[in-house]
C-alpha atoms as a PDB file:
ATOM      1  CA  MET A   1      52.280 -72.916 -58.789  1.00  0.00           C
ATOM      2  CA  SER A   2      55.305 -70.550 -58.932  1.00  0.00           C
ATOM      3  CA  GLY A   3      56.658 -68.851 -61.587  1.00  0.00           C
ATOM      4  CA  ARG A   4      55.029 -66.553 -64.118  1.00  0.00           C
ATOM      5  CA  PRO A   5      53.450 -68.496 -66.794  1.00  0.00           C
ATOM      6  CA  SER A   6      54.426 -68.441 -70.406  1.00  0.00           C
ATOM      7  CA  GLY A   7      52.399 -66.559 -72.898  1.00  0.00           C
ATOM      8  CA  ASP A   8      52.616 -69.556 -75.193  1.00  0.00           C
ATOM      9  CA  ALA A   9      51.166 -71.732 -72.804  1.00  0.00           C
ATOM     10  CA  LEU A  10      48.306 -69.701 -71.580  1.00  0.00           C
ATOM     11  CA  LEU A  11      47.176 -69.172 -75.138  1.00  0.00           C
ATOM     12  CA  ASP A  12      47.723 -72.837 -75.665  1.00  0.00           C
ATOM     13  CA  LEU A  13      44.952 -73.657 -73.298  1.00  0.00           C
ATOM     14  CA  ALA A  14      42.654 -71.060 -73.898  1.00  0.00           C
ATOM     15  CA  LEU A  15      42.526 -71.622 -77.379  1.00  0.00           C
ATOM     16  CA  ARG A  16      42.018 -75.335 -76.785  1.00  0.00           C
ATOM     17  CA  THR A  17      39.253 -74.710 -74.555  1.00  0.00           C
ATOM     18  CA  ALA A  18      37.609 -72.090 -76.573  1.00  0.00           C
ATOM     19  CA  ARG A  19      37.591 -74.774 -79.719  1.00  0.00           C
ATOM     20  CA  GLU A  20      35.986 -77.350 -77.522  1.00  0.00           C
ATOM     21  CA  ALA A  21      33.538 -74.807 -76.160  1.00  0.00           C
ATOM     22  CA  ALA A  22      32.425 -73.441 -79.527  1.00  0.00           C
ATOM     23  CA  ALA A  23      32.201 -76.800 -81.149  1.00  0.00           C
ATOM     24  CA  TYR A  24      30.038 -77.927 -77.673  1.00  0.00           C
ATOM     25  CA  ALA A  25      27.912 -74.574 -78.366  1.00  0.00           C
ATOM     26  CA  ARG A  26      27.441 -75.337 -81.746  1.00  0.00           C
ATOM     27  CA  ASP A  27      26.668 -78.833 -81.485  1.00  0.00           C
ATOM     28  CA  VAL A  28      23.894 -78.629 -78.675  1.00  0.00           C
ATOM     29  CA  ARG A  29      22.175 -75.821 -80.337  1.00  0.00           C
ATOM     30  CA  PRO A  30      18.507 -77.068 -81.254  1.00  0.00           C
ATOM     31  CA  SER A  31      17.156 -76.130 -84.809  1.00  0.00           C
ATOM     32  CA  GLY A  32      14.918 -72.982 -84.512  1.00  0.00           C
ATOM     33  CA  ARG A  33      15.353 -70.431 -81.700  1.00  0.00           C
ATOM     34  CA  VAL A  34      16.700 -71.324 -78.483  1.00  0.00           C
ATOM     35  CA  GLU A  35      14.825 -70.976 -75.329  1.00  0.00           C
ATOM     36  CA  VAL A  36      16.074 -68.447 -72.799  1.00  0.00           C
ATOM     37  CA  ALA A  37      16.454 -69.609 -69.100  1.00  0.00           C
ATOM     38  CA  ALA A  38      16.781 -66.159 -67.434  1.00  0.00           C
ATOM     39  CA  THR A  39      17.347 -62.601 -67.978  1.00  0.00           C
ATOM     40  CA  LYS A  40      20.065 -60.224 -66.566  1.00  0.00           C
ATOM     41  CA  SER A  41      20.348 -56.317 -66.949  1.00  0.00           C
ATOM     42  CA  SER A  42      16.615 -56.164 -68.410  1.00  0.00           C
ATOM     43  CA  ASP A  43      13.945 -58.611 -69.456  1.00  0.00           C
ATOM     44  CA  THR A  44      15.526 -58.045 -73.382  1.00  0.00           C
ATOM     45  CA  ASP A  45      18.981 -59.259 -71.738  1.00  0.00           C
ATOM     46  CA  PRO A  46      18.992 -63.003 -72.174  1.00  0.00           C
ATOM     47  CA  VAL A  47      21.032 -66.198 -70.930  1.00  0.00           C
ATOM     48  CA  THR A  48      20.311 -69.659 -72.112  1.00  0.00           C
ATOM     49  CA  ALA A  49      21.110 -73.092 -70.651  1.00  0.00           C
ATOM     50  CA  ILE A  50      23.680 -73.565 -73.343  1.00  0.00           C
ATOM     51  CA  ASP A  51      25.539 -70.208 -72.111  1.00  0.00           C
ATOM     52  CA  ARG A  52      25.793 -71.565 -68.398  1.00  0.00           C
ATOM     53  CA  ALA A  53      26.737 -75.075 -69.597  1.00  0.00           C
ATOM     54  CA  THR A  54      29.589 -73.694 -71.922  1.00  0.00           C
ATOM     55  CA  GLU A  55      30.921 -71.504 -69.233  1.00  0.00           C
ATOM     56  CA  GLN A  56      31.047 -74.688 -67.010  1.00  0.00           C
ATOM     57  CA  LEU A  57      32.910 -76.677 -69.622  1.00  0.00           C
ATOM     58  CA  VAL A  58      35.373 -73.758 -69.728  1.00  0.00           C
ATOM     59  CA  ARG A  59      35.780 -73.486 -65.853  1.00  0.00           C
ATOM     60  CA  GLU A  60      36.286 -77.268 -65.714  1.00  0.00           C
ATOM     61  CA  ARG A  61      38.917 -77.592 -68.742  1.00  0.00           C
ATOM     62  CA  ILE A  62      40.941 -74.605 -67.064  1.00  0.00           C
ATOM     63  CA  THR A  63      40.402 -75.566 -63.314  1.00  0.00           C
ATOM     64  CA  ALA A  64      42.089 -79.354 -64.601  1.00  0.00           C
ATOM     65  CA  GLU A  65      45.233 -77.984 -65.920  1.00  0.00           C
ATOM     66  CA  ARG A  66      45.616 -74.875 -63.708  1.00  0.00           C
ATOM     67  CA  PRO A  67      43.973 -75.302 -60.443  1.00  0.00           C
ATOM     68  CA  GLY A  68      45.499 -72.437 -58.483  1.00  0.00           C
ATOM     69  CA  ASP A  69      44.008 -69.739 -61.025  1.00  0.00           C
ATOM     70  CA  ALA A  70      40.777 -67.463 -60.753  1.00  0.00           C
ATOM     71  CA  ILE A  71      38.358 -67.316 -63.125  1.00  0.00           C
ATOM     72  CA  LEU A  72      36.082 -64.565 -63.883  1.00  0.00           C
ATOM     73  CA  GLY A  73      33.286 -65.839 -66.163  1.00  0.00           C
ATOM     74  CA  GLU A  74      30.029 -63.864 -67.514  1.00  0.00           C
ATOM     75  CA  GLU A  75      27.339 -66.459 -66.157  1.00  0.00           C
ATOM     76  CA  GLY A  76      29.160 -67.821 -62.853  1.00  0.00           C
ATOM     77  CA  GLY A  77      31.100 -64.630 -61.355  1.00  0.00           C
ATOM     78  CA  GLU A  78      34.453 -64.748 -59.994  1.00  0.00           C
ATOM     79  CA  SER A  79      35.766 -67.872 -58.423  1.00  0.00           C
ATOM     80  CA  GLY A  80      39.057 -68.969 -56.635  1.00  0.00           C
ATOM     81  CA  ARG A  81      40.433 -65.505 -56.055  1.00  0.00           C
ATOM     82  CA  ALA A  82      40.678 -66.178 -52.324  1.00  0.00           C
ATOM     83  CA  GLU A  83      42.281 -69.689 -52.991  1.00  0.00           C
ATOM     84  CA  ALA A  84      44.151 -68.395 -55.842  1.00  0.00           C
ATOM     85  CA  THR A  85      47.915 -69.704 -55.786  1.00  0.00           C
ATOM     86  CA  SER A  86      48.876 -67.860 -59.064  1.00  0.00           C
ATOM     87  CA  GLN A  87      49.160 -64.411 -60.510  1.00  0.00           C
ATOM     88  CA  VAL A  88      46.924 -65.601 -62.996  1.00  0.00           C
ATOM     89  CA  ARG A  89      42.938 -64.786 -63.715  1.00  0.00           C
ATOM     90  CA  TRP A  90      41.151 -66.311 -66.519  1.00  0.00           C
ATOM     91  CA  VAL A  91      38.335 -63.948 -67.914  1.00  0.00           C
ATOM     92  CA  VAL A  92      35.854 -65.903 -69.841  1.00  0.00           C
ATOM     93  CA  ASP A  93      32.460 -65.011 -72.055  1.00  0.00           C
ATOM     94  CA  PRO A  94      31.138 -68.377 -72.754  1.00  0.00           C
ATOM     95  CA  ILE A  95      28.746 -67.008 -75.642  1.00  0.00           C
ATOM     96  CA  ASP A  96      29.336 -63.312 -76.375  1.00  0.00           C
ATOM     97  CA  GLY A  97      26.383 -62.653 -78.868  1.00  0.00           C
ATOM     98  CA  THR A  98      23.836 -64.573 -77.309  1.00  0.00           C
ATOM     99  CA  VAL A  99      20.974 -62.732 -78.738  1.00  0.00           C
ATOM    100  CA  ASN A 100      22.389 -63.915 -82.096  1.00  0.00           C
ATOM    101  CA  PHE A 101      22.746 -67.364 -80.808  1.00  0.00           C
ATOM    102  CA  ILE A 102      19.387 -67.608 -79.801  1.00  0.00           C
ATOM    103  CA  TYR A 103      17.566 -66.505 -83.083  1.00  0.00           C
ATOM    104  CA  GLY A 104      20.500 -68.810 -85.261  1.00  0.00           C
ATOM    105  CA  LEU A 105      21.703 -66.114 -86.581  1.00  0.00           C
ATOM    106  CA  ALA A 106      25.898 -65.127 -87.377  1.00  0.00           C
ATOM    107  CA  HIS A 107      28.339 -63.334 -84.813  1.00  0.00           C
ATOM    108  CA  SER A 108      28.665 -65.163 -81.726  1.00  0.00           C
ATOM    109  CA  ALA A 109      31.920 -66.586 -80.273  1.00  0.00           C
ATOM    110  CA  VAL A 110      33.544 -67.864 -77.107  1.00  0.00           C
ATOM    111  CA  ALA A 111      35.947 -65.371 -75.469  1.00  0.00           C
ATOM    112  CA  ILE A 112      38.451 -66.379 -73.402  1.00  0.00           C
ATOM    113  CA  ALA A 113      41.418 -64.114 -71.740  1.00  0.00           C
ATOM    114  CA  ALA A 114      44.296 -64.713 -69.376  1.00  0.00           C
ATOM    115  CA  GLU A 115      45.353 -61.861 -67.000  1.00  0.00           C
ATOM    116  CA  VAL A 116      48.606 -61.958 -65.417  1.00  0.00           C
ATOM    117  CA  ASP A 117      48.881 -59.797 -62.414  1.00  0.00           C
ATOM    118  CA  GLY A 118      46.200 -57.681 -63.528  1.00  0.00           C
ATOM    119  CA  GLU A 119      47.326 -57.191 -67.182  1.00  0.00           C
ATOM    120  CA  VAL A 120      45.857 -59.349 -70.179  1.00  0.00           C
ATOM    121  CA  GLU A 121      48.396 -61.164 -71.344  1.00  0.00           C
ATOM    122  CA  VAL A 122      46.628 -63.798 -73.940  1.00  0.00           C
ATOM    123  CA  GLY A 123      43.361 -63.607 -75.762  1.00  0.00           C
ATOM    124  CA  CYS A 124      41.555 -65.973 -78.074  1.00  0.00           C
ATOM    125  CA  VAL A 125      38.055 -65.483 -79.774  1.00  0.00           C
ATOM    126  CA  VAL A 126      36.585 -68.369 -81.700  1.00  0.00           C
ATOM    127  CA  ASP A 127      33.326 -67.764 -83.904  1.00  0.00           C
ATOM    128  CA  ILE A 128      31.020 -70.527 -83.038  1.00  0.00           C
ATOM    129  CA  THR A 129      29.404 -70.388 -86.547  1.00  0.00           C
ATOM    130  CA  THR A 130      32.260 -70.662 -88.499  1.00  0.00           C
ATOM    131  CA  GLY A 131      35.123 -71.868 -86.455  1.00  0.00           C
ATOM    132  CA  HIS A 132      37.436 -68.822 -87.344  1.00  0.00           C
ATOM    133  CA  GLU A 133      40.186 -68.292 -84.480  1.00  0.00           C
ATOM    134  CA  TYR A 134      41.690 -64.759 -83.467  1.00  0.00           C
ATOM    135  CA  THR A 135      44.542 -65.027 -81.064  1.00  0.00           C
ATOM    136  CA  ALA A 136      46.816 -62.770 -79.418  1.00  0.00           C
ATOM    137  CA  ILE A 137      49.790 -62.880 -76.761  1.00  0.00           C
ATOM    138  CA  ARG A 138      50.733 -59.185 -75.404  1.00  0.00           C
ATOM    139  CA  GLY A 139      53.698 -57.962 -77.191  1.00  0.00           C
ATOM    140  CA  GLN A 140      53.911 -60.520 -79.970  1.00  0.00           C
ATOM    141  CA  GLY A 141      50.935 -59.601 -82.484  1.00  0.00           C
ATOM    142  CA  SER A 142      47.451 -61.247 -83.423  1.00  0.00           C
ATOM    143  CA  TYR A 143      46.716 -63.569 -85.658  1.00  0.00           C
ATOM    144  CA  ARG A 144      43.432 -65.322 -87.198  1.00  0.00           C
ATOM    145  CA  ARG A 145      42.924 -68.687 -88.768  1.00  0.00           C
ATOM    146  CA  GLU A 146      40.090 -70.151 -90.504  1.00  0.00           C
ATOM    147  CA  GLY A 147      40.406 -73.531 -88.182  1.00  0.00           C
ATOM    148  CA  PRO A 148      42.993 -75.362 -86.434  1.00  0.00           C
ATOM    149  CA  ALA A 149      44.733 -76.817 -89.326  1.00  0.00           C
ATOM    150  CA  GLU A 150      45.090 -73.450 -91.289  1.00  0.00           C
ATOM    151  CA  ARG A 151      47.829 -71.142 -91.423  1.00  0.00           C
ATOM    152  CA  ALA A 152      47.758 -68.145 -89.224  1.00  0.00           C
ATOM    153  CA  VAL A 153      47.570 -65.010 -90.684  1.00  0.00           C
ATOM    154  CA  ARG A 154      48.787 -61.697 -89.042  1.00  0.00           C
ATOM    155  CA  LEU A 155      46.265 -58.873 -88.384  1.00  0.00           C
ATOM    156  CA  ARG A 156      46.908 -55.127 -89.053  1.00  0.00           C
ATOM    157  CA  SER A 157      44.299 -52.532 -88.408  1.00  0.00           C
ATOM    158  CA  VAL A 158      43.450 -50.130 -91.391  1.00  0.00           C
ATOM    159  CA  ALA A 159      42.936 -46.282 -90.461  1.00  0.00           C
ATOM    160  CA  PRO A 160      40.281 -44.718 -92.590  1.00  0.00           C
ATOM    161  CA  PRO A 161      41.550 -41.250 -94.557  1.00  0.00           C
ATOM    162  CA  GLU A 162      39.220 -39.538 -92.772  1.00  0.00           C
ATOM    163  CA  ALA A 163      36.020 -39.655 -90.285  1.00  0.00           C
ATOM    164  CA  ALA A 164      33.369 -39.317 -93.380  1.00  0.00           C
ATOM    165  CA  HIS A 165      34.848 -42.697 -94.702  1.00  0.00           C
ATOM    166  CA  ALA A 166      35.052 -44.775 -91.474  1.00  0.00           C
ATOM    167  CA  LEU A 167      32.497 -47.806 -91.012  1.00  0.00           C
ATOM    168  CA  VAL A 168      32.119 -48.031 -87.552  1.00  0.00           C
ATOM    169  CA  ALA A 169      30.726 -50.968 -85.377  1.00  0.00           C
ATOM    170  CA  THR A 170      28.655 -50.373 -82.305  1.00  0.00           C
ATOM    171  CA  GLY A 171      26.142 -52.078 -80.057  1.00  0.00           C
ATOM    172  CA  PHE A 172      23.500 -51.228 -77.654  1.00  0.00           C
ATOM    173  CA  ASN A 173      22.850 -51.585 -73.808  1.00  0.00           C
ATOM    174  CA  TYR A 174      19.702 -53.751 -72.671  1.00  0.00           C
ATOM    175  CA  VAL A 175      18.917 -50.965 -70.251  1.00  0.00           C
ATOM    176  CA  PRO A 176      16.213 -48.750 -71.719  1.00  0.00           C
ATOM    177  CA  ASP A 177      17.429 -45.374 -70.323  1.00  0.00           C
ATOM    178  CA  VAL A 178      20.922 -45.975 -71.477  1.00  0.00           C
ATOM    179  CA  ARG A 179      19.854 -47.252 -74.922  1.00  0.00           C
ATOM    180  CA  ALA A 180      17.703 -44.062 -75.412  1.00  0.00           C
ATOM    181  CA  ARG A 181      21.062 -41.939 -75.046  1.00  0.00           C
ATOM    182  CA  GLN A 182      23.010 -44.035 -77.091  1.00  0.00           C
ATOM    183  CA  ALA A 183      20.276 -44.101 -79.716  1.00  0.00           C
ATOM    184  CA  VAL A 184      20.718 -40.257 -79.651  1.00  0.00           C
ATOM    185  CA  ALA A 185      24.558 -40.272 -79.947  1.00  0.00           C
ATOM    186  CA  VAL A 186      24.608 -43.126 -82.788  1.00  0.00           C
ATOM    187  CA  ALA A 187      22.174 -40.734 -84.881  1.00  0.00           C
ATOM    188  CA  ARG A 188      24.461 -37.877 -84.232  1.00  0.00           C
ATOM    189  CA  LEU A 189      27.497 -40.185 -85.283  1.00  0.00           C
ATOM    190  CA  LEU A 190      26.014 -41.426 -88.225  1.00  0.00           C
ATOM    191  CA  LEU A 191      26.142 -38.001 -89.758  1.00  0.00           C
ATOM    192  CA  HIS A 192      29.827 -37.646 -89.626  1.00  0.00           C
ATOM    193  CA  VAL A 193      30.755 -41.234 -90.895  1.00  0.00           C
ATOM    194  CA  ARG A 194      30.333 -43.578 -93.945  1.00  0.00           C
ATOM    195  CA  ASP A 195      28.016 -45.974 -92.147  1.00  0.00           C
ATOM    196  CA  ILE A 196      27.000 -47.890 -88.752  1.00  0.00           C
ATOM    197  CA  ARG A 197      27.345 -51.662 -88.272  1.00  0.00           C
ATOM    198  CA  ARG A 198      25.685 -53.697 -85.384  1.00  0.00           C
ATOM    199  CA  THR A 199      27.011 -57.323 -85.548  1.00  0.00           C
ATOM    200  CA  GLY A 200      25.739 -58.109 -81.809  1.00  0.00           C
ATOM    201  CA  SER A 201      29.013 -59.519 -80.716  1.00  0.00           C
ATOM    202  CA  ALA A 202      31.733 -56.938 -79.048  1.00  0.00           C
ATOM    203  CA  ALA A 203      34.642 -59.829 -79.373  1.00  0.00           C
ATOM    204  CA  LEU A 204      33.965 -60.080 -82.857  1.00  0.00           C
ATOM    205  CA  ASP A 205      33.710 -56.614 -83.479  1.00  0.00           C
ATOM    206  CA  PHE A 206      37.284 -56.226 -81.690  1.00  0.00           C
ATOM    207  CA  CYS A 207      38.745 -58.966 -83.716  1.00  0.00           C
ATOM    208  CA  MET A 208      37.002 -57.666 -87.177  1.00  0.00           C
ATOM    209  CA  LEU A 209      38.576 -54.287 -86.033  1.00  0.00           C
ATOM    210  CA  ALA A 210      42.027 -55.575 -86.001  1.00  0.00           C
ATOM    211  CA  ALA A 211      41.714 -57.368 -89.383  1.00  0.00           C
ATOM    212  CA  GLY A 212      40.385 -54.275 -91.091  1.00  0.00           C
ATOM    213  CA  SER A 213      36.827 -55.092 -91.667  1.00  0.00           C
ATOM    214  CA  PHE A 214      35.909 -52.023 -89.515  1.00  0.00           C
ATOM    215  CA  ASP A 215      37.505 -48.527 -89.251  1.00  0.00           C
ATOM    216  CA  ALA A 216      36.364 -48.032 -85.503  1.00  0.00           C
ATOM    217  CA  TYR A 217      34.249 -49.062 -82.546  1.00  0.00           C
ATOM    218  CA  VAL A 218      32.271 -47.419 -79.774  1.00  0.00           C
ATOM    219  CA  GLU A 219      29.930 -49.149 -77.267  1.00  0.00           C
ATOM    220  CA  GLN A 220      28.690 -48.472 -73.796  1.00  0.00           C
ATOM    221  CA  GLY A 221      27.743 -50.976 -70.988  1.00  0.00           C
ATOM    222  CA  LEU A 222      30.569 -53.656 -71.711  1.00  0.00           C
ATOM    223  CA  ALA A 223      31.819 -55.869 -68.933  1.00  0.00           C
ATOM    224  CA  PRO A 224      35.413 -56.997 -68.367  1.00  0.00           C
ATOM    225  CA  TRP A 225      34.582 -60.306 -70.210  1.00  0.00           C
ATOM    226  CA  ASP A 226      33.398 -58.460 -73.160  1.00  0.00           C
ATOM    227  CA  ILE A 227      36.771 -56.531 -73.490  1.00  0.00           C
ATOM    228  CA  ALA A 228      39.304 -58.542 -72.341  1.00  0.00           C
ATOM    229  CA  ALA A 229      40.269 -61.009 -75.081  1.00  0.00           C
ATOM    230  CA  GLY A 230      38.954 -58.764 -78.061  1.00  0.00           C
ATOM    231  CA  GLY A 231      40.425 -55.833 -76.835  1.00  0.00           C
ATOM    232  CA  LEU A 232      44.029 -57.221 -76.623  1.00  0.00           C
ATOM    233  CA  ILE A 233      43.748 -58.849 -80.411  1.00  0.00           C
ATOM    234  CA  ALA A 234      42.682 -55.495 -81.442  1.00  0.00           C
ATOM    235  CA  ARG A 235      45.762 -53.739 -79.576  1.00  0.00           C
ATOM    236  CA  GLU A 236      47.752 -56.093 -81.041  1.00  0.00           C
ATOM    237  CA  ALA A 237      46.851 -55.296 -84.513  1.00  0.00           C
ATOM    238  CA  GLY A 238      47.784 -51.741 -83.991  1.00  0.00           C
ATOM    239  CA  VAL A 239      44.577 -50.482 -82.465  1.00  0.00           C
ATOM    240  CA  VAL A 240      44.116 -47.846 -79.446  1.00  0.00           C
ATOM    241  CA  VAL A 241      41.230 -49.108 -76.988  1.00  0.00           C
ATOM    242  CA  GLN A 242      40.352 -46.461 -74.737  1.00  0.00           C
ATOM    243  CA  GLY A 243      37.443 -45.002 -72.422  1.00  0.00           C
ATOM    244  CA  LEU A 244      36.656 -41.580 -71.439  1.00  0.00           C
ATOM    245  CA  ASP A 245      39.602 -41.003 -69.173  1.00  0.00           C
ATOM    246  CA  GLY A 246      41.888 -43.272 -70.679  1.00  0.00           C
ATOM    247  CA  ILE A 247      41.043 -46.826 -69.431  1.00  0.00           C
ATOM    248  CA  PRO A 248      38.155 -48.752 -71.387  1.00  0.00           C
ATOM    249  CA  ASP A 249      35.150 -49.341 -68.818  1.00  0.00           C
ATOM    250  CA  GLU A 250      31.333 -50.021 -68.658  1.00  0.00           C
ATOM    251  CA  ARG A 251      31.094 -46.400 -69.237  1.00  0.00           C
ATOM    252  CA  LEU A 252      32.575 -46.201 -72.576  1.00  0.00           C
ATOM    253  CA  VAL A 253      34.661 -48.076 -74.891  1.00  0.00           C
ATOM    254  CA  VAL A 254      36.113 -46.217 -77.961  1.00  0.00           C
ATOM    255  CA  ALA A 255      38.456 -48.270 -80.184  1.00  0.00           C
ATOM    256  CA  ALA A 256      40.136 -47.300 -83.709  1.00  0.00           C
ATOM    257  CA  PRO A 257      43.847 -47.728 -85.530  1.00  0.00           C
ATOM    258  CA  GLU A 258      46.057 -45.556 -84.093  1.00  0.00           C
ATOM    259  CA  ALA A 259      46.413 -43.029 -86.639  1.00  0.00           C
ATOM    260  CA  PHE A 260      42.440 -42.439 -86.265  1.00  0.00           C
ATOM    261  CA  ALA A 261      42.079 -42.949 -82.714  1.00  0.00           C
ATOM    262  CA  GLN A 262      42.088 -39.555 -80.976  1.00  0.00           C
ATOM    263  CA  GLU A 263      40.184 -38.074 -83.947  1.00  0.00           C
ATOM    264  CA  PHE A 264      37.514 -40.640 -83.458  1.00  0.00           C
ATOM    265  CA  LEU A 265      37.445 -40.260 -79.450  1.00  0.00           C
ATOM    266  CA  ARG A 266      36.891 -36.708 -80.217  1.00  0.00           C
ATOM    267  CA  LEU A 267      33.845 -37.235 -82.184  1.00  0.00           C
ATOM    268  CA  VAL A 268      32.660 -39.506 -79.995  1.00  0.00           C
ATOM    269  CA  ARG A 269      32.722 -37.003 -77.195  1.00  0.00           C
ATOM    270  CA  ALA A 270      31.224 -34.627 -79.508  1.00  0.00           C
ATOM    271  CA  CYS A 271      28.294 -36.859 -80.408  1.00  0.00           C
ATOM    272  CA  GLY A 272      27.424 -37.174 -76.524  1.00  0.00           C
ATOM    273  CA  PHE A 273      28.307 -40.500 -75.596  1.00  0.00           C
END
């Protein structure tokens, strides 16, 4: 496979695949609570059989159309890197918001991004519960649709007039020691902002920030599949996504509209994140 793939072609594959994966997860979910198949970072960090099956579906659909690409997934790790014949790596979170999914709560999503030469080129997030779709191509803005047949609406983030008026999204690590430190930092932050929300899906938090439903977002412990798709959607809506030293990573992700980004980062640092 030669030549740089177009963003439109990559997004088309990502979105078709995410739609199918979200519909699959929604359709096979039983009534009541979903059984936990295993745990990861701690005994409260769950994985379900549906997570694994959904990721396998995503891998099969991508590989069928682009067999020379590498794939990094939350449940299956990285595959195809040694054999890759293209510059593309897909980054996949089959169900972001697994705890919500287990309990039957809203706010879980399929998130798929495609990197080209190490830079995220496209991202899509499909809400499993509602079917709402969020998409972006690098340099071309980000968009929301309520479904495949609906009109796409361009997303624009909204900066608060000051930190005291900011509604901030966050999340908590499943490792107890990290969670304890986060709890202290969030308690400090709560004294300086309008309020805090914890939805349980990093991908949807980024999308809601892009849409103006949040004013800022801070979280520790995020993996590449938590950041890739949603992070691009947020950036394309005017959000600065950064870490302590510029690059967002597992240590810290801070996101806010450009006019509020540095003020919010200073506040996050002061609160001890």
